[in-house]
Amino acid sequence: MIKSIESQAREYVYDVKNCASEYGQSTLEGWEFSLVTDIEKVKIEKDYYPTVSAHPAQEVLLELFRVVKSKLVGTISNSMSFDVNSIMQKNVTYLIAFNPKLHR
């Protein structure tokens, strides 16, 4: 069964909020959300913990990112970072969330 972008986004937002809560954070303040390549994902996972990633079909990745962003922007502070730089130049395959203050 193929999930809609909306349901994938809802599930991803739930997972990120749940992960933050498990690590004692009541909000997602300071978290970063990025579209990354396989190599960038591995590097982020080596450097930071916890991380939450999604690997949707390539053709829906950007739209999933937009829906996740819209779901989060209204509910939490502006200290979150959303990075979509040079998406057309990179072979991005993952949406990843992490808090750069939480080093491994």
N, C-alpha and C. Protein backbone atom coordinates (compact mmCIF):
# COMPACT_ATOMS: atom_id res chain seq x y z
N MET A 1 0.84 -1.19 0.00
CA MET A 1 0.00 0.00 0.00
C MET A 1 0.88 1.25 0.00
N ILE A 2 0.61 2.14 -0.92
CA ILE A 2 1.37 3.38 -1.01
C ILE A 2 0.72 4.42 -0.11
N LYS A 3 1.53 5.01 0.76
CA LYS A 3 1.02 6.04 1.67
C LYS A 3 0.99 7.38 0.96
N SER A 4 0.01 8.18 1.29
CA SER A 4 -0.05 9.53 0.73
C SER A 4 1.06 10.37 1.36
N ILE A 5 1.40 11.45 0.69
CA ILE A 5 2.42 12.36 1.21
C ILE A 5 1.98 12.91 2.56
N GLU A 6 0.71 13.22 2.67
CA GLU A 6 0.17 13.76 3.91
C GLU A 6 0.36 12.77 5.06
N SER A 7 0.05 11.50 4.83
CA SER A 7 0.19 10.52 5.92
C SER A 7 1.66 10.25 6.23
N GLN A 8 2.53 10.26 5.22
CA GLN A 8 3.97 10.11 5.46
C GLN A 8 4.49 11.28 6.29
N ALA A 9 4.04 12.48 5.98
CA ALA A 9 4.47 13.67 6.72
C ALA A 9 3.99 13.62 8.16
N ARG A 10 2.74 13.24 8.36
CA ARG A 10 2.19 13.11 9.72
C ARG A 10 2.99 12.11 10.55
N GLU A 11 3.29 10.97 9.95
CA GLU A 11 4.05 9.93 10.63
C GLU A 11 5.46 10.42 10.95
N TYR A 12 6.09 11.11 10.02
CA TYR A 12 7.45 11.61 10.23
C TYR A 12 7.48 12.66 11.35
N VAL A 13 6.54 13.59 11.32
CA VAL A 13 6.46 14.62 12.37
C VAL A 13 6.24 13.96 13.72
N TYR A 14 5.37 12.98 13.78
CA TYR A 14 5.12 12.25 15.02
C TYR A 14 6.41 11.60 15.52
N ASP A 15 7.14 10.94 14.62
CA ASP A 15 8.39 10.27 15.00
C ASP A 15 9.43 11.25 15.52
N VAL A 16 9.55 12.41 14.87
CA VAL A 16 10.54 13.40 15.31
C VAL A 16 10.16 13.95 16.69
N LYS A 17 8.89 14.30 16.87
CA LYS A 17 8.45 14.83 18.17
C LYS A 17 8.62 13.78 19.27
N ASN A 18 8.30 12.54 18.97
CA ASN A 18 8.45 11.45 19.93
C ASN A 18 9.93 11.25 20.29
N CYS A 19 10.79 11.29 19.30
CA CYS A 19 12.23 11.14 19.53
C CYS A 19 12.76 12.26 20.42
N ALA A 20 12.38 13.48 20.12
CA ALA A 20 12.82 14.62 20.93
C ALA A 20 12.34 14.46 22.37
N SER A 21 11.12 14.05 22.53
CA SER A 21 10.54 13.85 23.86
C SER A 21 11.30 12.77 24.63
N GLU A 22 11.64 11.69 23.96
CA GLU A 22 12.39 10.60 24.60
C GLU A 22 13.74 11.07 25.11
N TYR A 23 14.30 12.09 24.48
CA TYR A 23 15.61 12.61 24.88
C TYR A 23 15.49 13.90 25.70
N GLY A 24 14.34 14.07 26.34
CA GLY A 24 14.16 15.15 27.30
C GLY A 24 13.90 16.53 26.72
N GLN A 25 13.55 16.60 25.46
CA GLN A 25 13.27 17.90 24.85
C GLN A 25 11.75 18.05 24.69
N SER A 26 11.22 19.09 25.28
CA SER A 26 9.78 19.30 25.19
C SER A 26 9.36 19.93 23.87
N THR A 27 10.31 20.51 23.15
CA THR A 27 10.03 21.09 21.83
C THR A 27 11.11 20.64 20.85
N LEU A 28 10.94 21.03 19.62
CA LEU A 28 11.95 20.74 18.61
C LEU A 28 12.87 21.93 18.40
N GLU A 29 12.95 22.78 19.39
CA GLU A 29 13.79 23.96 19.30
C GLU A 29 15.23 23.56 19.01
N GLY A 30 15.80 24.16 17.98
CA GLY A 30 17.18 23.90 17.61
C GLY A 30 17.37 22.74 16.63
N TRP A 31 16.32 22.00 16.35
CA TRP A 31 16.45 20.88 15.42
C TRP A 31 16.60 21.40 13.99
N GLU A 32 17.31 20.64 13.18
CA GLU A 32 17.49 20.97 11.77
C GLU A 32 16.87 19.87 10.92
N PHE A 33 16.27 20.28 9.82
CA PHE A 33 15.64 19.37 8.88
C PHE A 33 16.29 19.62 7.52
N SER A 34 16.86 18.57 6.94
CA SER A 34 17.59 18.73 5.68
C SER A 34 17.28 17.61 4.71
N LEU A 35 17.41 17.94 3.45
CA LEU A 35 17.37 16.94 2.39
C LEU A 35 18.82 16.61 2.09
N VAL A 36 19.17 15.33 2.19
CA VAL A 36 20.59 14.94 2.09
C VAL A 36 20.78 13.72 1.20
N THR A 37 22.03 13.54 0.80
CA THR A 37 22.43 12.35 0.05
C THR A 37 22.71 11.21 1.02
N ASP A 38 22.93 10.04 0.47
CA ASP A 38 23.27 8.88 1.30
C ASP A 38 24.51 9.15 2.15
N ILE A 39 25.53 9.73 1.54
CA ILE A 39 26.80 10.00 2.23
C ILE A 39 26.60 11.03 3.35
N GLU A 40 25.84 12.09 3.06
CA GLU A 40 25.58 13.11 4.09
C GLU A 40 24.79 12.52 5.26
N LYS A 41 23.85 11.63 4.96
CA LYS A 41 23.06 10.99 6.02
C LYS A 41 23.96 10.20 6.95
N VAL A 42 24.86 9.41 6.38
CA VAL A 42 25.78 8.62 7.19
C VAL A 42 26.65 9.52 8.06
N LYS A 43 27.13 10.62 7.51
CA LYS A 43 27.97 11.54 8.29
C LYS A 43 27.18 12.16 9.44
N ILE A 44 25.95 12.60 9.17
CA ILE A 44 25.12 13.19 10.22
C ILE A 44 24.85 12.15 11.31
N GLU A 45 24.55 10.92 10.91
CA GLU A 45 24.29 9.88 11.90
C GLU A 45 25.52 9.53 12.73
N LYS A 46 26.70 9.69 12.16
CA LYS A 46 27.94 9.46 12.92
C LYS A 46 28.19 10.59 13.92
N ASP A 47 27.82 11.81 13.53
CA ASP A 47 28.14 12.98 14.34
C ASP A 47 27.08 13.32 15.39
N TYR A 48 25.82 12.99 15.12
CA TYR A 48 24.73 13.43 16.00
C TYR A 48 23.82 12.26 16.38
N TYR A 49 23.27 12.36 17.56
CA TYR A 49 22.32 11.35 18.02
C TYR A 49 21.34 12.00 18.95
N PRO A 50 20.09 11.82 18.77
CA PRO A 50 19.41 10.97 17.80
C PRO A 50 19.19 11.69 16.47
N THR A 51 18.89 10.90 15.47
CA THR A 51 18.46 11.42 14.17
C THR A 51 17.19 10.68 13.77
N VAL A 52 16.40 11.33 12.93
CA VAL A 52 15.20 10.69 12.39
C VAL A 52 15.22 10.95 10.89
N SER A 53 15.23 9.87 10.11
CA SER A 53 15.28 10.06 8.67
C SER A 53 14.11 9.36 7.98
N ALA A 54 13.80 9.86 6.81
CA ALA A 54 12.77 9.27 5.96
C ALA A 54 13.36 9.09 4.58
N HIS A 55 12.99 8.01 3.93
CA HIS A 55 13.50 7.68 2.60
C HIS A 55 12.33 7.39 1.66
N PRO A 56 11.56 8.45 1.34
CA PRO A 56 10.42 8.24 0.44
C PRO A 56 10.88 8.11 -1.01
N ALA A 57 9.97 7.85 -1.87
CA ALA A 57 10.29 7.81 -3.29
C ALA A 57 10.87 9.16 -3.71
N GLN A 58 11.86 9.13 -4.57
CA GLN A 58 12.58 10.34 -5.00
C GLN A 58 11.63 11.42 -5.51
N GLU A 59 10.60 11.03 -6.23
CA GLU A 59 9.71 12.03 -6.84
C GLU A 59 8.82 12.75 -5.84
N VAL A 60 8.69 12.23 -4.62
CA VAL A 60 7.85 12.90 -3.62
C VAL A 60 8.67 13.53 -2.48
N LEU A 61 9.98 13.37 -2.53
CA LEU A 61 10.84 13.85 -1.45
C LEU A 61 10.68 15.34 -1.17
N LEU A 62 10.75 16.17 -2.18
CA LEU A 62 10.64 17.61 -1.98
C LEU A 62 9.26 17.99 -1.45
N GLU A 63 8.22 17.37 -1.97
CA GLU A 63 6.87 17.68 -1.49
C GLU A 63 6.70 17.22 -0.05
N LEU A 64 7.26 16.06 0.31
CA LEU A 64 7.21 15.60 1.69
C LEU A 64 7.91 16.61 2.60
N PHE A 65 9.04 17.10 2.17
CA PHE A 65 9.78 18.11 2.94
C PHE A 65 8.92 19.35 3.16
N ARG A 66 8.24 19.80 2.12
CA ARG A 66 7.38 20.99 2.22
C ARG A 66 6.21 20.76 3.19
N VAL A 67 5.60 19.58 3.12
CA VAL A 67 4.46 19.28 4.00
C VAL A 67 4.93 19.19 5.45
N VAL A 68 6.07 18.53 5.68
CA VAL A 68 6.62 18.44 7.04
C VAL A 68 6.91 19.84 7.57
N LYS A 69 7.52 20.66 6.74
CA LYS A 69 7.84 22.03 7.15
C LYS A 69 6.55 22.78 7.52
N SER A 70 5.52 22.65 6.72
CA SER A 70 4.28 23.37 7.00
C SER A 70 3.64 22.88 8.29
N LYS A 71 3.77 21.61 8.59
CA LYS A 71 3.20 21.06 9.82
C LYS A 71 3.97 21.53 11.06
N LEU A 72 5.25 21.79 10.91
CA LEU A 72 6.07 22.16 12.07
C LEU A 72 6.19 23.66 12.28
N VAL A 73 6.19 24.43 11.23
CA VAL A 73 6.41 25.88 11.36
C VAL A 73 5.37 26.54 12.26
N GLY A 74 4.13 26.14 12.15
CA GLY A 74 3.09 26.77 12.95
C GLY A 74 3.05 26.33 14.40
N THR A 75 3.71 25.22 14.72
CA THR A 75 3.58 24.67 16.07
C THR A 75 4.75 24.94 16.99
N ILE A 76 5.89 25.30 16.43
CA ILE A 76 7.05 25.53 17.29
C ILE A 76 7.81 26.78 16.86
N SER A 77 8.83 27.09 17.60
CA SER A 77 9.55 28.35 17.41
C SER A 77 10.32 28.40 16.09
N ASN A 78 10.82 29.56 15.79
CA ASN A 78 11.57 29.78 14.56
C ASN A 78 13.02 29.34 14.66
N SER A 79 13.41 28.70 15.76
CA SER A 79 14.80 28.30 15.89
C SER A 79 15.09 27.01 15.11
N MET A 80 14.06 26.43 14.50
CA MET A 80 14.29 25.26 13.66
C MET A 80 14.86 25.71 12.33
N SER A 81 15.67 24.85 11.75
CA SER A 81 16.28 25.18 10.47
C SER A 81 15.80 24.18 9.41
N PHE A 82 15.41 24.71 8.26
CA PHE A 82 15.01 23.88 7.13
C PHE A 82 15.97 24.17 5.98
N ASP A 83 16.66 23.14 5.51
CA ASP A 83 17.67 23.32 4.49
C ASP A 83 17.32 22.56 3.21
N VAL A 84 17.15 23.30 2.14
CA VAL A 84 16.87 22.69 0.84
C VAL A 84 17.92 23.11 -0.18
N ASN A 85 19.08 23.60 0.28
CA ASN A 85 20.04 24.18 -0.66
C ASN A 85 20.49 23.20 -1.74
N SER A 86 20.60 23.70 -2.90
CA SER A 86 21.07 23.02 -4.11
C SER A 86 20.47 21.63 -4.31
N ILE A 87 19.19 21.51 -4.08
CA ILE A 87 18.53 20.21 -4.25
C ILE A 87 18.65 19.69 -5.68
N MET A 88 18.64 20.58 -6.62
CA MET A 88 18.71 20.15 -8.02
C MET A 88 20.11 19.68 -8.40
N GLN A 89 21.13 20.13 -7.66
CA GLN A 89 22.51 19.77 -7.98
C GLN A 89 22.96 18.50 -7.27
N LYS A 90 22.25 18.12 -6.21
CA LYS A 90 22.63 16.94 -5.45
C LYS A 90 21.63 15.82 -5.71
N ASN A 91 22.09 14.61 -5.48
CA ASN A 91 21.20 13.46 -5.60
C ASN A 91 20.65 13.13 -4.22
N VAL A 92 19.80 14.01 -3.70
CA VAL A 92 19.26 13.82 -2.36
C VAL A 92 18.26 12.67 -2.36
N THR A 93 18.30 11.91 -1.27
CA THR A 93 17.43 10.75 -1.16
C THR A 93 16.76 10.64 0.20
N TYR A 94 17.17 11.46 1.15
CA TYR A 94 16.64 11.38 2.51
C TYR A 94 16.21 12.73 3.03
N LEU A 95 15.20 12.69 3.88
CA LEU A 95 14.85 13.82 4.74
C LEU A 95 15.34 13.42 6.11
N ILE A 96 16.17 14.24 6.74
CA ILE A 96 16.72 13.89 8.05
C ILE A 96 16.53 15.04 9.02
N ALA A 97 16.27 14.68 10.26
CA ALA A 97 16.12 15.66 11.34
C ALA A 97 17.13 15.31 12.43
N PHE A 98 17.76 16.34 12.98
CA PHE A 98 18.71 16.14 14.05
C PHE A 98 18.89 17.45 14.80
N ASN A 99 19.43 17.36 16.00
CA ASN A 99 19.72 18.55 16.79
C ASN A 99 21.24 18.69 16.84
N PRO A 100 21.80 19.74 16.23
CA PRO A 100 23.26 19.88 16.18
C PRO A 100 23.91 20.07 17.55
N LYS A 101 23.11 20.30 18.58
CA LYS A 101 23.66 20.43 19.93
C LYS A 101 23.87 19.06 20.59
N LEU A 102 23.28 18.03 20.01
CA LEU A 102 23.37 16.69 20.59
C LEU A 102 24.38 15.86 19.81
N HIS A 103 25.66 16.01 20.15
CA HIS A 103 26.72 15.26 19.49
C HIS A 103 26.79 13.84 20.03
N ARG A 104 27.24 12.96 19.21
CA ARG A 104 27.42 11.57 19.60
C ARG A 104 28.60 11.44 20.52
